[in-house]
Amino acid sequence: MNDGATVSRFLPDEDATLQLGASWAKSLTAPLVVYLQGDLGAGKTTFTRGLLRGLRHSGAVKSPTYAIVESYPLADFTLHHFDLYRFASPEEWEDAGLDDLFADNCVCLIEWPQQGGGFTPAADITVSLNHSEHGRNATVSAHTTRGRQNLEAWLN
């Protein structure tokens, strides 16, 4: 597998999206930057909820659309879930001081990363969720060596 590795899965329902997220929990390691891509309602927050449940987070998991970021301190690292959908300009990334949340002990999931322009850190992995006639299609792509290693560990 090279750094550009890609895996696809069909997800027939919300439960399958939750399970896909949860399945990653056993192998997820920090630091990691993950882009979550897909239209509104494609399942980005549902995937994140499944991942956090798999990481034994028992509290609420809500969309960070209005807060911009929701942070979850976990046993092994902190997971930050960003949603840049409401950004009017990429400079809002810098104005909000979001760079301060990227550290070696963090996993950062970013919805609508293109809204942050050049301020958004590059992705190690992209998770794309797209509506299909009978559910969703999920495509997971690694872009860096760290991303490839994480993806391989997830699949094994």
C-alpha atoms as a PDB file:
ATOM      1  CA  MET A   1       0.000   0.000   0.000  1.00  0.00           C
ATOM      2  CA  ASN A   2       1.407   3.438  -0.870  1.00  0.00           C
ATOM      3  CA  ASP A   3       0.679   6.806   0.754  1.00  0.00           C
ATOM      4  CA  GLY A   4      -2.247   7.273  -1.619  1.00  0.00           C
ATOM      5  CA  ALA A   5      -4.095   4.164  -0.382  1.00  0.00           C
ATOM      6  CA  THR A   6      -7.897   4.183  -0.646  1.00  0.00           C
ATOM      7  CA  VAL A   7     -10.594   1.898   0.770  1.00  0.00           C
ATOM      8  CA  SER A   8     -14.323   2.078   0.000  1.00  0.00           C
ATOM      9  CA  ARG A   9     -17.334   0.703   1.880  1.00  0.00           C
ATOM     10  CA  PHE A  10     -21.093   0.791   1.309  1.00  0.00           C
ATOM     11  CA  LEU A  11     -23.053   1.865   4.394  1.00  0.00           C
ATOM     12  CA  PRO A  12     -26.741   0.916   4.122  1.00  0.00           C
ATOM     13  CA  ASP A  13     -27.897   2.903   7.162  1.00  0.00           C
ATOM     14  CA  GLU A  14     -26.957   5.117  10.109  1.00  0.00           C
ATOM     15  CA  ASP A  15     -25.985   2.118  12.234  1.00  0.00           C
ATOM     16  CA  ALA A  16     -23.431   1.031   9.622  1.00  0.00           C
ATOM     17  CA  THR A  17     -21.957   4.560   9.667  1.00  0.00           C
ATOM     18  CA  LEU A  18     -21.684   4.407  13.474  1.00  0.00           C
ATOM     19  CA  GLN A  19     -20.066   0.968  13.244  1.00  0.00           C
ATOM     20  CA  LEU A  20     -17.524   2.161  10.678  1.00  0.00           C
ATOM     21  CA  GLY A  21     -16.468   4.966  13.020  1.00  0.00           C
ATOM     22  CA  ALA A  22     -16.347   2.611  16.003  1.00  0.00           C
ATOM     23  CA  SER A  23     -14.214   0.106  14.072  1.00  0.00           C
ATOM     24  CA  TRP A  24     -11.487   2.735  13.683  1.00  0.00           C
ATOM     25  CA  ALA A  25     -11.289   3.423  17.427  1.00  0.00           C
ATOM     26  CA  LYS A  26      -9.070   0.418  18.200  1.00  0.00           C
ATOM     27  CA  SER A  27      -6.282   1.589  15.910  1.00  0.00           C
ATOM     28  CA  LEU A  28      -6.605   5.394  15.921  1.00  0.00           C
ATOM     29  CA  THR A  29      -3.435   7.151  17.062  1.00  0.00           C
ATOM     30  CA  ALA A  30      -2.345  10.745  17.495  1.00  0.00           C
ATOM     31  CA  PRO A  31      -1.201  12.960  15.971  1.00  0.00           C
ATOM     32  CA  LEU A  32      -3.545  12.788  12.998  1.00  0.00           C
ATOM     33  CA  VAL A  33      -5.489  15.235  10.820  1.00  0.00           C
ATOM     34  CA  VAL A  34      -8.615  13.800   9.190  1.00  0.00           C
ATOM     35  CA  TYR A  35     -10.820  15.609   6.717  1.00  0.00           C
ATOM     36  CA  LEU A  36     -14.487  14.600   6.848  1.00  0.00           C
ATOM     37  CA  GLN A  37     -16.050  15.365   3.492  1.00  0.00           C
ATOM     38  CA  GLY A  38     -19.611  15.073   2.234  1.00  0.00           C
ATOM     39  CA  ASP A  39     -22.763  17.065   1.688  1.00  0.00           C
ATOM     40  CA  LEU A  40     -25.026  18.214   4.498  1.00  0.00           C
ATOM     41  CA  GLY A  41     -26.575  15.158   6.132  1.00  0.00           C
ATOM     42  CA  ALA A  42     -24.062  12.730   4.621  1.00  0.00           C
ATOM     43  CA  GLY A  43     -23.096  11.320   8.028  1.00  0.00           C
ATOM     44  CA  LYS A  44     -19.925  13.160   9.053  1.00  0.00           C
ATOM     45  CA  THR A  45     -21.071  13.769  12.628  1.00  0.00           C
ATOM     46  CA  THR A  46     -22.635  10.287  12.796  1.00  0.00           C
ATOM     47  CA  PHE A  47     -19.270   8.799  11.811  1.00  0.00           C
ATOM     48  CA  THR A  48     -17.588  10.930  14.502  1.00  0.00           C
ATOM     49  CA  ARG A  49     -20.160   9.814  17.080  1.00  0.00           C
ATOM     50  CA  GLY A  50     -19.398   6.165  16.254  1.00  0.00           C
ATOM     51  CA  LEU A  51     -15.673   6.816  16.529  1.00  0.00           C
ATOM     52  CA  LEU A  52     -16.070   8.506  19.915  1.00  0.00           C
ATOM     53  CA  ARG A  53     -18.318   5.707  21.201  1.00  0.00           C
ATOM     54  CA  GLY A  54     -15.628   3.237  20.121  1.00  0.00           C
ATOM     55  CA  LEU A  55     -13.133   5.322  22.114  1.00  0.00           C
ATOM     56  CA  ARG A  56     -15.406   4.917  25.169  1.00  0.00           C
ATOM     57  CA  HIS A  57     -16.693   8.486  25.238  1.00  0.00           C
ATOM     58  CA  SER A  58     -20.111   8.226  26.882  1.00  0.00           C
ATOM     59  CA  GLY A  59     -21.181  11.877  26.781  1.00  0.00           C
ATOM     60  CA  ALA A  60     -23.036  13.807  24.122  1.00  0.00           C
ATOM     61  CA  VAL A  61     -21.547  14.114  20.640  1.00  0.00           C
ATOM     62  CA  LYS A  62     -22.999  17.035  18.764  1.00  0.00           C
ATOM     63  CA  SER A  63     -22.246  18.759  15.518  1.00  0.00           C
ATOM     64  CA  PRO A  64     -19.779  21.627  16.000  1.00  0.00           C
ATOM     65  CA  THR A  65     -21.530  23.709  13.324  1.00  0.00           C
ATOM     66  CA  TYR A  66     -22.202  26.652  15.653  1.00  0.00           C
ATOM     67  CA  ALA A  67     -19.325  26.209  18.123  1.00  0.00           C
ATOM     68  CA  ILE A  68     -16.749  25.614  15.317  1.00  0.00           C
ATOM     69  CA  VAL A  69     -15.010  22.961  17.439  1.00  0.00           C
ATOM     70  CA  GLU A  70     -16.029  20.372  20.029  1.00  0.00           C
ATOM     71  CA  SER A  71     -13.176  18.851  22.045  1.00  0.00           C
ATOM     72  CA  TYR A  72     -13.164  15.452  23.724  1.00  0.00           C
ATOM     73  CA  PRO A  73     -10.336  14.720  26.186  1.00  0.00           C
ATOM     74  CA  LEU A  74      -9.850  10.944  26.065  1.00  0.00           C
ATOM     75  CA  ALA A  75      -7.512   8.533  27.832  1.00  0.00           C
ATOM     76  CA  ASP A  76      -4.806   8.465  25.127  1.00  0.00           C
ATOM     77  CA  PHE A  77      -5.318  11.770  23.301  1.00  0.00           C
ATOM     78  CA  THR A  78      -7.714  14.656  22.761  1.00  0.00           C
ATOM     79  CA  LEU A  79     -10.034  14.495  19.766  1.00  0.00           C
ATOM     80  CA  HIS A  80     -11.067  17.850  18.269  1.00  0.00           C
ATOM     81  CA  HIS A  81     -14.048  17.851  15.894  1.00  0.00           C
ATOM     82  CA  PHE A  82     -14.116  20.995  13.726  1.00  0.00           C
ATOM     83  CA  ASP A  83     -16.870  22.237  11.432  1.00  0.00           C
ATOM     84  CA  LEU A  84     -15.870  25.124   9.183  1.00  0.00           C
ATOM     85  CA  TYR A  85     -19.169  25.244   7.261  1.00  0.00           C
ATOM     86  CA  ARG A  86     -20.104  28.715   8.524  1.00  0.00           C
ATOM     87  CA  PHE A  87     -16.746  30.350   7.780  1.00  0.00           C
ATOM     88  CA  ALA A  88     -17.258  33.431   5.611  1.00  0.00           C
ATOM     89  CA  SER A  89     -13.522  33.639   4.864  1.00  0.00           C
ATOM     90  CA  PRO A  90     -10.462  31.449   5.471  1.00  0.00           C
ATOM     91  CA  GLU A  91      -8.996  34.084   7.804  1.00  0.00           C
ATOM     92  CA  GLU A  92     -11.576  33.074  10.407  1.00  0.00           C
ATOM     93  CA  TRP A  93      -9.334  30.059  11.090  1.00  0.00           C
ATOM     94  CA  GLU A  94      -6.554  32.335  12.248  1.00  0.00           C
ATOM     95  CA  ASP A  95      -8.924  34.750  14.023  1.00  0.00           C
ATOM     96  CA  ALA A  96     -10.337  31.855  16.075  1.00  0.00           C
ATOM     97  CA  GLY A  97      -6.839  30.654  17.050  1.00  0.00           C
ATOM     98  CA  LEU A  98      -7.545  27.127  15.830  1.00  0.00           C
ATOM     99  CA  ASP A  99      -3.859  26.354  15.190  1.00  0.00           C
ATOM    100  CA  ASP A 100      -3.434  26.219  18.976  1.00  0.00           C
ATOM    101  CA  LEU A 101      -5.504  23.004  19.072  1.00  0.00           C
ATOM    102  CA  PHE A 102      -3.130  21.010  16.853  1.00  0.00           C
ATOM    103  CA  ALA A 103      -0.608  19.107  18.970  1.00  0.00           C
ATOM    104  CA  ASP A 104       1.170  15.756  19.068  1.00  0.00           C
ATOM    105  CA  ASN A 105      -1.440  14.352  21.459  1.00  0.00           C
ATOM    106  CA  CYS A 106      -4.449  15.301  19.308  1.00  0.00           C
ATOM    107  CA  VAL A 107      -6.571  13.809  16.579  1.00  0.00           C
ATOM    108  CA  CYS A 108      -8.320  16.527  14.587  1.00  0.00           C
ATOM    109  CA  LEU A 109     -11.393  15.768  12.471  1.00  0.00           C
ATOM    110  CA  ILE A 110     -12.286  18.654  10.159  1.00  0.00           C
ATOM    111  CA  GLU A 111     -15.610  19.038   8.343  1.00  0.00           C
ATOM    112  CA  TRP A 112     -15.683  21.465   5.393  1.00  0.00           C
ATOM    113  CA  PRO A 113     -11.858  21.891   5.421  1.00  0.00           C
ATOM    114  CA  GLN A 114     -11.908  23.895   2.175  1.00  0.00           C
ATOM    115  CA  GLN A 115     -13.569  26.769   4.064  1.00  0.00           C
ATOM    116  CA  GLY A 116     -10.295  27.287   5.958  1.00  0.00           C
ATOM    117  CA  GLY A 117      -8.308  27.692   2.738  1.00  0.00           C
ATOM    118  CA  GLY A 118      -4.555  27.614   3.221  1.00  0.00           C
ATOM    119  CA  PHE A 119      -4.905  27.901   7.002  1.00  0.00           C
ATOM    120  CA  THR A 120      -6.301  24.374   7.349  1.00  0.00           C
ATOM    121  CA  PRO A 121      -3.539  21.833   8.087  1.00  0.00           C
ATOM    122  CA  ALA A 122      -3.061  19.171   5.421  1.00  0.00           C
ATOM    123  CA  ALA A 123      -4.932  15.894   5.896  1.00  0.00           C
ATOM    124  CA  ASP A 124      -3.265  12.626   6.757  1.00  0.00           C
ATOM    125  CA  ILE A 125      -6.545  10.869   5.898  1.00  0.00           C
ATOM    126  CA  THR A 126      -9.768  11.896   4.173  1.00  0.00           C
ATOM    127  CA  VAL A 127     -13.072  10.201   4.965  1.00  0.00           C
ATOM    128  CA  SER A 128     -15.617  10.984   2.240  1.00  0.00           C
ATOM    129  CA  LEU A 129     -19.272  10.140   2.815  1.00  0.00           C
ATOM    130  CA  ASN A 130     -21.666  10.423  -0.101  1.00  0.00           C
ATOM    131  CA  HIS A 131     -25.352   9.693  -0.417  1.00  0.00           C
ATOM    132  CA  SER A 132     -26.308   6.800  -2.670  1.00  0.00           C
ATOM    133  CA  GLU A 133     -29.672   5.401  -3.662  1.00  0.00           C
ATOM    134  CA  HIS A 134     -29.842   2.949  -0.746  1.00  0.00           C
ATOM    135  CA  GLY A 135     -27.499   4.445   1.869  1.00  0.00           C
ATOM    136  CA  ARG A 136     -24.045   6.004   1.784  1.00  0.00           C
ATOM    137  CA  ASN A 137     -20.724   5.284   0.181  1.00  0.00           C
ATOM    138  CA  ALA A 138     -17.675   5.821   2.381  1.00  0.00           C
ATOM    139  CA  THR A 139     -14.224   6.271   0.890  1.00  0.00           C
ATOM    140  CA  VAL A 140     -11.177   6.512   3.138  1.00  0.00           C
ATOM    141  CA  SER A 141      -7.948   7.773   1.574  1.00  0.00           C
ATOM    142  CA  ALA A 142      -4.488   8.091   3.097  1.00  0.00           C
ATOM    143  CA  HIS A 143      -2.335  11.031   1.962  1.00  0.00           C
ATOM    144  CA  THR A 144       0.749  10.729   4.161  1.00  0.00           C
ATOM    145  CA  THR A 145       2.912   7.986   5.614  1.00  0.00           C
ATOM    146  CA  ARG A 146       1.255   8.555   9.009  1.00  0.00           C
ATOM    147  CA  GLY A 147      -2.161   8.308   7.367  1.00  0.00           C
ATOM    148  CA  ARG A 148      -1.219   5.121   5.508  1.00  0.00           C
ATOM    149  CA  GLN A 149       0.075   3.501   8.693  1.00  0.00           C
ATOM    150  CA  ASN A 150      -3.116   4.423  10.519  1.00  0.00           C
ATOM    151  CA  LEU A 151      -5.309   3.150   7.683  1.00  0.00           C
ATOM    152  CA  GLU A 152      -3.374  -0.134   7.526  1.00  0.00           C
ATOM    153  CA  ALA A 153      -3.761  -0.619  11.286  1.00  0.00           C
ATOM    154  CA  TRP A 154      -7.509   0.071  10.956  1.00  0.00           C
ATOM    155  CA  LEU A 155      -7.917  -2.505   8.210  1.00  0.00           C
ATOM    156  CA  ASN A 156      -5.858  -5.158  10.025  1.00  0.00           C
END
